[in-house]
C-alpha cells in the first residue's frame, strides 16, 4: 500500500512537483500550527483542518501535475501536527 502511495518507479520527493507540494504544505501547516499555538489552541486539529483546506485548494485549483502529488501534503501534515501537539503550552 505505501509503495503505491509514494509513486513506485521513483524515489520519495524525487520530482520538482513533489518537492513543491511538500514545501508548500510544510509552510502552510507550520504557519497554521504556529498561529494556533499563539492563540492558545494548539491541539493539532488546526493543522488537520488546514490539510483539508489545502487539499481542496490543490485539487480544485492546482495544476493537474501538482494535484497528482496530493499525498505528499498528507505525509507532511502528520509530523507537523504531532510537533504542534507536543509543543503545546511550552511558551508559558
PDB file of N, CA and C in Angstrom:
ATOM      1  N   UNK A   1       0.820  -1.191   0.000  1.00  0.00           N
ATOM      2  CA  UNK A   1       0.000   0.000   0.000  1.00  0.00           C
ATOM      3  C   UNK A   1       0.866   1.258   0.000  1.00  0.00           C
ATOM      4  N   UNK A   2       1.847   1.333   0.890  1.00  0.00           N
ATOM      5  CA  UNK A   2       2.683   2.529   0.935  1.00  0.00           C
ATOM      6  C   UNK A   2       3.504   2.693  -0.325  1.00  0.00           C
ATOM      7  N   UNK A   3       3.824   1.587  -0.980  1.00  0.00           N
ATOM      8  CA  UNK A   3       4.595   1.692  -2.196  1.00  0.00           C
ATOM      9  C   UNK A   3       3.806   2.461  -3.256  1.00  0.00           C
ATOM     10  N   UNK A   4       2.540   2.158  -3.431  1.00  0.00           N
ATOM     11  CA  UNK A   4       1.737   2.884  -4.406  1.00  0.00           C
ATOM     12  C   UNK A   4       1.427   4.292  -3.911  1.00  0.00           C
ATOM     13  N   UNK A   5       1.376   4.487  -2.602  1.00  0.00           N
ATOM     14  CA  UNK A   5       1.116   5.805  -2.034  1.00  0.00           C
ATOM     15  C   UNK A   5       2.214   6.784  -2.426  1.00  0.00           C
ATOM     16  N   UNK A   6       3.446   6.326  -2.478  1.00  0.00           N
ATOM     17  CA  UNK A   6       4.572   7.193  -2.825  1.00  0.00           C
ATOM     18  C   UNK A   6       5.087   6.928  -4.236  1.00  0.00           C
ATOM     19  N   UNK A   7       4.188   6.636  -5.154  1.00  0.00           N
ATOM     20  CA  UNK A   7       4.511   6.507  -6.570  1.00  0.00           C
ATOM     21  C   UNK A   7       5.691   5.592  -6.851  1.00  0.00           C
ATOM     22  N   UNK A   8       5.445   4.323  -7.059  1.00  0.00           N
ATOM     23  CA  UNK A   8       6.548   3.431  -7.399  1.00  0.00           C
ATOM     24  C   UNK A   8       7.181   3.841  -8.731  1.00  0.00           C
ATOM     25  N   UNK A   9       8.433   3.576  -8.843  1.00  0.00           N
ATOM     26  CA  UNK A   9       9.134   3.923 -10.067  1.00  0.00           C
ATOM     27  C   UNK A   9      10.122   5.054  -9.877  1.00  0.00           C
ATOM     28  N   UNK A  10       9.954   5.815  -8.813  1.00  0.00           N
ATOM     29  CA  UNK A  10      10.930   6.839  -8.471  1.00  0.00           C
ATOM     30  C   UNK A  10      10.904   7.053  -6.967  1.00  0.00           C
ATOM     31  N   UNK A  11      11.908   7.725  -6.466  1.00  0.00           N
ATOM     32  CA  UNK A  11      12.061   7.862  -5.026  1.00  0.00           C
ATOM     33  C   UNK A  11      11.171   8.918  -4.411  1.00  0.00           C
ATOM     34  N   UNK A  12      11.174   8.944  -3.109  1.00  0.00           N
ATOM     35  CA  UNK A  12      10.418   9.906  -2.319  1.00  0.00           C
ATOM     36  C   UNK A  12      10.951  11.309  -2.587  1.00  0.00           C
ATOM     37  N   UNK A  13      10.085  12.231  -2.949  1.00  0.00           N
ATOM     38  CA  UNK A  13      10.432  13.630  -3.251  1.00  0.00           C
ATOM     39  C   UNK A  13      11.485  13.745  -4.348  1.00  0.00           C
ATOM     40  N   UNK A  14      11.320  12.986  -5.405  1.00  0.00           N
ATOM     41  CA  UNK A  14      12.325  12.971  -6.457  1.00  0.00           C
ATOM     42  C   UNK A  14      11.996  13.887  -7.630  1.00  0.00           C
ATOM     43  N   UNK A  15      10.806  14.468  -7.659  1.00  0.00           N
ATOM     44  CA  UNK A  15      10.473  15.377  -8.751  1.00  0.00           C
ATOM     45  C   UNK A  15      10.202  16.772  -8.191  1.00  0.00           C
ATOM     46  N   UNK A  16      10.364  17.806  -9.010  1.00  0.00           N
ATOM     47  CA  UNK A  16      10.107  19.178  -8.543  1.00  0.00           C
ATOM     48  C   UNK A  16       8.665  19.386  -8.079  1.00  0.00           C
ATOM     49  N   UNK A  17       7.721  18.704  -8.693  1.00  0.00           N
ATOM     50  CA  UNK A  17       6.321  18.842  -8.292  1.00  0.00           C
ATOM     51  C   UNK A  17       6.099  18.289  -6.884  1.00  0.00           C
ATOM     52  N   UNK A  18       6.712  17.157  -6.594  1.00  0.00           N
ATOM     53  CA  UNK A  18       6.588  16.569  -5.259  1.00  0.00           C
ATOM     54  C   UNK A  18       7.194  17.478  -4.214  1.00  0.00           C
ATOM     55  N   UNK A  19       8.350  18.026  -4.515  1.00  0.00           N
ATOM     56  CA  UNK A  19       9.020  18.946  -3.583  1.00  0.00           C
ATOM     57  C   UNK A  19       8.184  20.199  -3.392  1.00  0.00           C
ATOM     58  N   UNK A  20       7.611  20.737  -4.465  1.00  0.00           N
ATOM     59  CA  UNK A  20       6.803  21.950  -4.373  1.00  0.00           C
ATOM     60  C   UNK A  20       5.588  21.746  -3.475  1.00  0.00           C
ATOM     61  N   UNK A  21       4.895  20.633  -3.643  1.00  0.00           N
ATOM     62  CA  UNK A  21       3.722  20.347  -2.809  1.00  0.00           C
ATOM     63  C   UNK A  21       4.143  20.157  -1.355  1.00  0.00           C
ATOM     64  N   UNK A  22       5.208  19.425  -1.118  1.00  0.00           N
ATOM     65  CA  UNK A  22       5.659  19.171   0.247  1.00  0.00           C
ATOM     66  C   UNK A  22       6.123  20.460   0.933  1.00  0.00           C
ATOM     67  N   UNK A  23       6.881  21.292   0.239  1.00  0.00           N
ATOM     68  CA  UNK A  23       7.369  22.545   0.833  1.00  0.00           C
ATOM     69  C   UNK A  23       6.208  23.490   1.113  1.00  0.00           C
ATOM     70  N   UNK A  24       5.288  23.621   0.153  1.00  0.00           N
ATOM     71  CA  UNK A  24       4.116  24.476   0.371  1.00  0.00           C
ATOM     72  C   UNK A  24       3.307  23.979   1.563  1.00  0.00           C
ATOM     73  N   UNK A  25       3.163  22.666   1.680  1.00  0.00           N
ATOM     74  CA  UNK A  25       2.417  22.093   2.805  1.00  0.00           C
ATOM     75  C   UNK A  25       3.121  22.367   4.120  1.00  0.00           C
ATOM     76  N   UNK A  26       4.431  22.209   4.181  1.00  0.00           N
ATOM     77  CA  UNK A  26       5.170  22.488   5.415  1.00  0.00           C
ATOM     78  C   UNK A  26       4.982  23.945   5.821  1.00  0.00           C
ATOM     79  N   UNK A  27       5.087  24.854   4.871  1.00  0.00           N
ATOM     80  CA  UNK A  27       4.938  26.281   5.182  1.00  0.00           C
ATOM     81  C   UNK A  27       3.535  26.571   5.700  1.00  0.00           C
ATOM     82  N   UNK A  28       2.516  26.113   4.977  1.00  0.00           N
ATOM     83  CA  UNK A  28       1.135  26.382   5.388  1.00  0.00           C
ATOM     84  C   UNK A  28       0.827  25.760   6.735  1.00  0.00           C
ATOM     85  N   UNK A  29       1.181  24.501   6.921  1.00  0.00           N
ATOM     86  CA  UNK A  29       0.840  23.813   8.169  1.00  0.00           C
ATOM     87  C   UNK A  29       1.623  24.365   9.352  1.00  0.00           C
ATOM     88  N   UNK A  30       2.867  24.771   9.136  1.00  0.00           N
ATOM     89  CA  UNK A  30       3.645  25.365  10.215  1.00  0.00           C
ATOM     90  C   UNK A  30       3.075  26.719  10.617  1.00  0.00           C
ATOM     91  N   UNK A  31       2.679  27.518   9.636  1.00  0.00           N
ATOM     92  CA  UNK A  31       2.062  28.809   9.948  1.00  0.00           C
ATOM     93  C   UNK A  31       0.749  28.627  10.697  1.00  0.00           C
ATOM     94  N   UNK A  32      -0.067  27.696  10.255  1.00  0.00           N
ATOM     95  CA  UNK A  32      -1.341  27.436  10.934  1.00  0.00           C
ATOM     96  C   UNK A  32      -1.094  26.907  12.347  1.00  0.00           C
ATOM     97  N   UNK A  33      -0.168  25.975  12.492  1.00  0.00           N
ATOM     98  CA  UNK A  33       0.147  25.444  13.826  1.00  0.00           C
ATOM     99  C   UNK A  33       0.733  26.496  14.742  1.00  0.00           C
ATOM    100  N   UNK A  34       1.609  27.355  14.205  1.00  0.00           N
ATOM    101  CA  UNK A  34       2.168  28.451  14.998  1.00  0.00           C
ATOM    102  C   UNK A  34       1.107  29.446  15.432  1.00  0.00           C
ATOM    103  N   UNK A  35       0.196  29.763  14.523  1.00  0.00           N
ATOM    104  CA  UNK A  35      -0.898  30.679  14.868  1.00  0.00           C
ATOM    105  C   UNK A  35      -1.800  30.060  15.928  1.00  0.00           C
ATOM    106  N   UNK A  36      -2.066  28.763  15.814  1.00  0.00           N
ATOM    107  CA  UNK A  36      -2.892  28.087  16.815  1.00  0.00           C
ATOM    108  C   UNK A  36      -2.208  28.095  18.177  1.00  0.00           C
ATOM    109  N   UNK A  37      -0.911  27.892  18.208  1.00  0.00           N
ATOM    110  CA  UNK A  37      -0.173  27.937  19.475  1.00  0.00           C
ATOM    111  C   UNK A  37      -0.190  29.353  20.043  1.00  0.00           C
ATOM    112  N   UNK A  38      -0.003  30.341  19.193  1.00  0.00           N
ATOM    113  CA  UNK A  38      -0.020  31.736  19.634  1.00  0.00           C
ATOM    114  C   UNK A  38      -1.378  32.109  20.218  1.00  0.00           C
ATOM    115  N   UNK A  39      -2.432  31.613  19.608  1.00  0.00           N
ATOM    116  CA  UNK A  39      -3.783  31.898  20.087  1.00  0.00           C
ATOM    117  C   UNK A  39      -4.184  31.000  21.254  1.00  0.00           C
ATOM    118  N   UNK A  40      -3.336  30.017  21.566  1.00  0.00           N
ATOM    119  CA  UNK A  40      -3.574  29.173  22.737  1.00  0.00           C
ATOM    120  C   UNK A  40      -4.424  27.951  22.483  1.00  0.00           C
ATOM    121  N   UNK A  41      -4.555  27.509  21.243  1.00  0.00           N
ATOM    122  CA  UNK A  41      -5.406  26.365  20.952  1.00  0.00           C
ATOM    123  C   UNK A  41      -4.671  25.352  20.079  1.00  0.00           C
ATOM    124  N   UNK A  42      -3.410  25.091  20.379  1.00  0.00           N
ATOM    125  CA  UNK A  42      -2.612  24.183  19.545  1.00  0.00           C
ATOM    126  C   UNK A  42      -2.833  22.746  19.992  1.00  0.00           C
ATOM    127  N   UNK A  43      -3.811  22.110  19.405  1.00  0.00           N
ATOM    128  CA  UNK A  43      -4.093  20.713  19.723  1.00  0.00           C
ATOM    129  C   UNK A  43      -3.834  19.804  18.539  1.00  0.00           C
ATOM    130  N   UNK A  44      -3.302  20.344  17.452  1.00  0.00           N
ATOM    131  CA  UNK A  44      -3.059  19.551  16.261  1.00  0.00           C
ATOM    132  C   UNK A  44      -4.239  19.547  15.307  1.00  0.00           C
ATOM    133  N   UNK A  45      -5.412  19.857  15.800  1.00  0.00           N
ATOM    134  CA  UNK A  45      -6.606  19.879  14.955  1.00  0.00           C
ATOM    135  C   UNK A  45      -6.586  20.985  13.926  1.00  0.00           C
ATOM    136  N   UNK A  46      -5.955  22.088  14.262  1.00  0.00           N
ATOM    137  CA  UNK A  46      -5.866  23.194  13.309  1.00  0.00           C
ATOM    138  C   UNK A  46      -5.058  22.772  12.082  1.00  0.00           C
ATOM    139  N   UNK A  47      -4.024  21.992  12.288  1.00  0.00           N
ATOM    140  CA  UNK A  47      -3.210  21.527  11.167  1.00  0.00           C
ATOM    141  C   UNK A  47      -4.008  20.545  10.303  1.00  0.00           C
ATOM    142  N   UNK A  48      -4.793  19.702  10.928  1.00  0.00           N
ATOM    143  CA  UNK A  48      -5.610  18.759  10.167  1.00  0.00           C
ATOM    144  C   UNK A  48      -6.682  19.518   9.383  1.00  0.00           C
ATOM    145  N   UNK A  49      -7.260  20.567   9.975  1.00  0.00           N
ATOM    146  CA  UNK A  49      -8.204  21.413   9.248  1.00  0.00           C
ATOM    147  C   UNK A  49      -7.536  22.121   8.081  1.00  0.00           C
ATOM    148  N   UNK A  50      -6.305  22.583   8.302  1.00  0.00           N
ATOM    149  CA  UNK A  50      -5.552  23.219   7.220  1.00  0.00           C
ATOM    150  C   UNK A  50      -5.250  22.207   6.116  1.00  0.00           C
ATOM    151  N   UNK A  51      -5.016  20.954   6.473  1.00  0.00           N
ATOM    152  CA  UNK A  51      -4.791  19.909   5.481  1.00  0.00           C
ATOM    153  C   UNK A  51      -6.021  19.761   4.583  1.00  0.00           C
ATOM    154  N   UNK A  52      -7.192  19.735   5.184  1.00  0.00           N
ATOM    155  CA  UNK A  52      -8.418  19.604   4.390  1.00  0.00           C
ATOM    156  C   UNK A  52      -8.550  20.775   3.419  1.00  0.00           C
ATOM    157  N   UNK A  53      -8.331  21.990   3.910  1.00  0.00           N
ATOM    158  CA  UNK A  53      -8.394  23.160   3.045  1.00  0.00           C
ATOM    159  C   UNK A  53      -7.325  23.144   1.969  1.00  0.00           C
ATOM    160  N   UNK A  54      -6.122  22.743   2.342  1.00  0.00           N
ATOM    161  CA  UNK A  54      -5.011  22.669   1.396  1.00  0.00           C
ATOM    162  C   UNK A  54      -5.330  21.687   0.270  1.00  0.00           C
ATOM    163  N   UNK A  55      -5.888  20.542   0.630  1.00  0.00           N
ATOM    164  CA  UNK A  55      -6.225  19.540  -0.377  1.00  0.00           C
ATOM    165  C   UNK A  55      -7.338  20.024  -1.306  1.00  0.00           C
ATOM    166  N   UNK A  56      -8.329  20.702  -0.749  1.00  0.00           N
ATOM    167  CA  UNK A  56      -9.410  21.240  -1.589  1.00  0.00           C
ATOM    168  C   UNK A  56      -8.846  22.243  -2.584  1.00  0.00           C
ATOM    169  N   UNK A  57      -8.015  23.156  -2.111  1.00  0.00           N
ATOM    170  CA  UNK A  57      -7.419  24.152  -2.999  1.00  0.00           C
ATOM    171  C   UNK A  57      -6.518  23.480  -4.033  1.00  0.00           C
ATOM    172  N   UNK A  58      -5.697  22.553  -3.591  1.00  0.00           N
ATOM    173  CA  UNK A  58      -4.776  21.875  -4.505  1.00  0.00           C
ATOM    174  C   UNK A  58      -5.526  21.097  -5.592  1.00  0.00           C
ATOM    175  N   UNK A  59      -6.550  20.371  -5.199  1.00  0.00           N
ATOM    176  CA  UNK A  59      -7.279  19.550  -6.163  1.00  0.00           C
ATOM    177  C   UNK A  59      -8.221  20.370  -7.043  1.00  0.00           C
ATOM    178  N   UNK A  60      -8.787  21.445  -6.497  1.00  0.00           N
ATOM    179  CA  UNK A  60      -9.741  22.242  -7.266  1.00  0.00           C
ATOM    180  C   UNK A  60      -9.058  23.250  -8.185  1.00  0.00           C
ATOM    181  N   UNK A  61      -8.012  23.906  -7.682  1.00  0.00           N
ATOM    182  CA  UNK A  61      -7.410  24.998  -8.446  1.00  0.00           C
ATOM    183  C   UNK A  61      -5.967  24.760  -8.851  1.00  0.00           C
ATOM    184  N   UNK A  62      -5.359  23.712  -8.349  1.00  0.00           N
ATOM    185  CA  UNK A  62      -3.976  23.424  -8.701  1.00  0.00           C
ATOM    186  C   UNK A  62      -3.876  22.812 -10.092  1.00  0.00           C
ATOM    187  N   UNK A  63      -2.690  22.904 -10.640  1.00  0.00           N
ATOM    188  CA  UNK A  63      -2.492  22.272 -11.944  1.00  0.00           C
ATOM    189  C   UNK A  63      -2.605  20.756 -11.779  1.00  0.00           C
ATOM    190  N   UNK A  64      -2.987  20.060 -12.840  1.00  0.00           N
ATOM    191  CA  UNK A  64      -3.123  18.599 -12.727  1.00  0.00           C
ATOM    192  C   UNK A  64      -1.836  17.907 -12.290  1.00  0.00           C
ATOM    193  N   UNK A  65      -0.701  18.449 -12.682  1.00  0.00           N
ATOM    194  CA  UNK A  65       0.576  17.843 -12.289  1.00  0.00           C
ATOM    195  C   UNK A  65       0.766  17.960 -10.777  1.00  0.00           C
ATOM    196  N   UNK A  66       0.460  19.131 -10.201  1.00  0.00           N
ATOM    197  CA  UNK A  66       0.589  19.301  -8.753  1.00  0.00           C
ATOM    198  C   UNK A  66      -0.503  18.540  -8.010  1.00  0.00           C
ATOM    199  N   UNK A  67      -1.712  18.518  -8.561  1.00  0.00           N
ATOM    200  CA  UNK A  67      -2.811  17.825  -7.894  1.00  0.00           C
ATOM    201  C   UNK A  67      -2.539  16.330  -7.772  1.00  0.00           C
ATOM    202  N   UNK A  68      -1.769  15.766  -8.703  1.00  0.00           N
ATOM    203  CA  UNK A  68      -1.428  14.341  -8.623  1.00  0.00           C
ATOM    204  C   UNK A  68      -0.506  14.032  -7.454  1.00  0.00           C
ATOM    205  N   UNK A  69       0.104  15.038  -6.878  1.00  0.00           N
ATOM    206  CA  UNK A  69       1.040  14.835  -5.759  1.00  0.00           C
ATOM    207  C   UNK A  69       0.402  15.172  -4.412  1.00  0.00           C
ATOM    208  N   UNK A  70      -0.910  15.107  -4.306  1.00  0.00           N
ATOM    209  CA  UNK A  70      -1.640  15.468  -3.095  1.00  0.00           C
ATOM    210  C   UNK A  70      -1.193  14.671  -1.886  1.00  0.00           C
ATOM    211  N   UNK A  71      -0.762  13.443  -2.098  1.00  0.00           N
ATOM    212  CA  UNK A  71      -0.422  12.560  -0.980  1.00  0.00           C
ATOM    213  C   UNK A  71       0.802  13.052  -0.203  1.00  0.00           C
ATOM    214  N   UNK A  72       1.627  13.892  -0.820  1.00  0.00           N
ATOM    215  CA  UNK A  72       2.764  14.444  -0.083  1.00  0.00           C
ATOM    216  C   UNK A  72       2.311  15.455   0.964  1.00  0.00           C
ATOM    217  N   UNK A  73       1.197  16.126   0.726  1.00  0.00           N
ATOM    218  CA  UNK A  73       0.639  17.031   1.737  1.00  0.00           C
ATOM    219  C   UNK A  73       0.172  16.233   2.948  1.00  0.00           C
ATOM    220  N   UNK A  74      -0.400  15.072   2.717  1.00  0.00           N
ATOM    221  CA  UNK A  74      -0.834  14.207   3.822  1.00  0.00           C
ATOM    222  C   UNK A  74       0.383  13.716   4.599  1.00  0.00           C
ATOM    223  N   UNK A  75       1.420  13.318   3.871  1.00  0.00           N
ATOM    224  CA  UNK A  75       2.632  12.818   4.531  1.00  0.00           C
ATOM    225  C   UNK A  75       3.304  13.896   5.370  1.00  0.00           C
ATOM    226  N   UNK A  76       3.181  15.153   4.974  1.00  0.00           N
ATOM    227  CA  UNK A  76       3.789  16.256   5.708  1.00  0.00           C
ATOM    228  C   UNK A  76       2.910  16.676   6.887  1.00  0.00           C
ATOM    229  N   UNK A  77       1.605  16.608   6.740  1.00  0.00           N
ATOM    230  CA  UNK A  77       0.695  17.086   7.782  1.00  0.00           C
ATOM    231  C   UNK A  77       0.820  16.304   9.079  1.00  0.00           C
ATOM    232  N   UNK A  78       1.027  15.014   8.987  1.00  0.00           N
ATOM    233  CA  UNK A  78       1.073  14.184  10.192  1.00  0.00           C
ATOM    234  C   UNK A  78       2.231  14.586  11.114  1.00  0.00           C
ATOM    235  N   UNK A  79       3.477  14.663  10.627  1.00  0.00           N
ATOM    236  CA  UNK A  79       4.539  15.062  11.556  1.00  0.00           C
ATOM    237  C   UNK A  79       4.407  16.499  12.047  1.00  0.00           C
ATOM    238  N   UNK A  80       3.920  17.406  11.207  1.00  0.00           N
ATOM    239  CA  UNK A  80       3.745  18.795  11.657  1.00  0.00           C
ATOM    240  C   UNK A  80       2.688  18.853  12.748  1.00  0.00           C
ATOM    241  N   UNK A  81       1.580  18.137  12.584  1.00  0.00           N
ATOM    242  CA  UNK A  81       0.538  18.101  13.615  1.00  0.00           C
ATOM    243  C   UNK A  81       1.072  17.519  14.915  1.00  0.00           C
ATOM    244  N   UNK A  82       1.896  16.482  14.826  1.00  0.00           N
ATOM    245  CA  UNK A  82       2.476  15.895  16.040  1.00  0.00           C
ATOM    246  C   UNK A  82       3.429  16.858  16.736  1.00  0.00           C
ATOM    247  N   UNK A  83       4.229  17.597  15.974  1.00  0.00           N
ATOM    248  CA  UNK A  83       5.137  18.589  16.570  1.00  0.00           C
ATOM    249  C   UNK A  83       4.340  19.683  17.250  1.00  0.00           C
ATOM    250  N   UNK A  84       3.295  20.168  16.584  1.00  0.00           N
ATOM    251  CA  UNK A  84       2.461  21.214  17.177  1.00  0.00           C
ATOM    252  C   UNK A  84       1.816  20.704  18.461  1.00  0.00           C
ATOM    253  N   UNK A  85       1.336  19.495  18.444  1.00  0.00           N
ATOM    254  CA  UNK A  85       0.703  18.914  19.632  1.00  0.00           C
ATOM    255  C   UNK A  85       1.703  18.770  20.775  1.00  0.00           C
ATOM    256  N   UNK A  86       2.917  18.321  20.479  1.00  0.00           N
ATOM    257  CA  UNK A  86       3.941  18.167  21.524  1.00  0.00           C
ATOM    258  C   UNK A  86       4.448  19.502  22.032  1.00  0.00           C
ATOM    259  N   UNK A  87       4.426  20.529  21.174  1.00  0.00           N
ATOM    260  CA  UNK A  87       4.921  21.853  21.574  1.00  0.00           C
ATOM    261  C   UNK A  87       3.900  22.594  22.422  1.00  0.00           C
ATOM    262  N   UNK A  88       2.682  22.160  22.390  1.00  0.00           N
ATOM    263  CA  UNK A  88       1.563  22.847  23.049  1.00  0.00           C
ATOM    264  C   UNK A  88       1.891  23.266  24.473  1.00  0.00           C
ATOM    265  N   UNK A  89       1.726  24.545  24.731  1.00  0.00           N
ATOM    266  CA  UNK A  89       1.903  25.080  26.069  1.00  0.00           C
ATOM    267  C   UNK A  89       3.328  25.322  26.485  1.00  0.00           C
ATOM    268  N   UNK A  90       4.300  25.132  25.633  1.00  0.00           N
ATOM    269  CA  UNK A  90       5.702  25.321  26.010  1.00  0.00           C
ATOM    270  C   UNK A  90       6.061  26.790  26.208  1.00  0.00           C
ATOM    271  N   UNK A  91       5.296  27.686  25.586  1.00  0.00           N
ATOM    272  CA  UNK A  91       5.595  29.114  25.686  1.00  0.00           C
ATOM    273  C   UNK A  91       5.196  29.727  27.022  1.00  0.00           C
ATOM    274  N   UNK A  92       4.490  28.966  27.852  1.00  0.00           N
ATOM    275  CA  UNK A  92       4.018  29.514  29.130  1.00  0.00           C
ATOM    276  C   UNK A  92       5.066  29.427  30.204  1.00  0.00           C
TER     277      UNK A  92
END
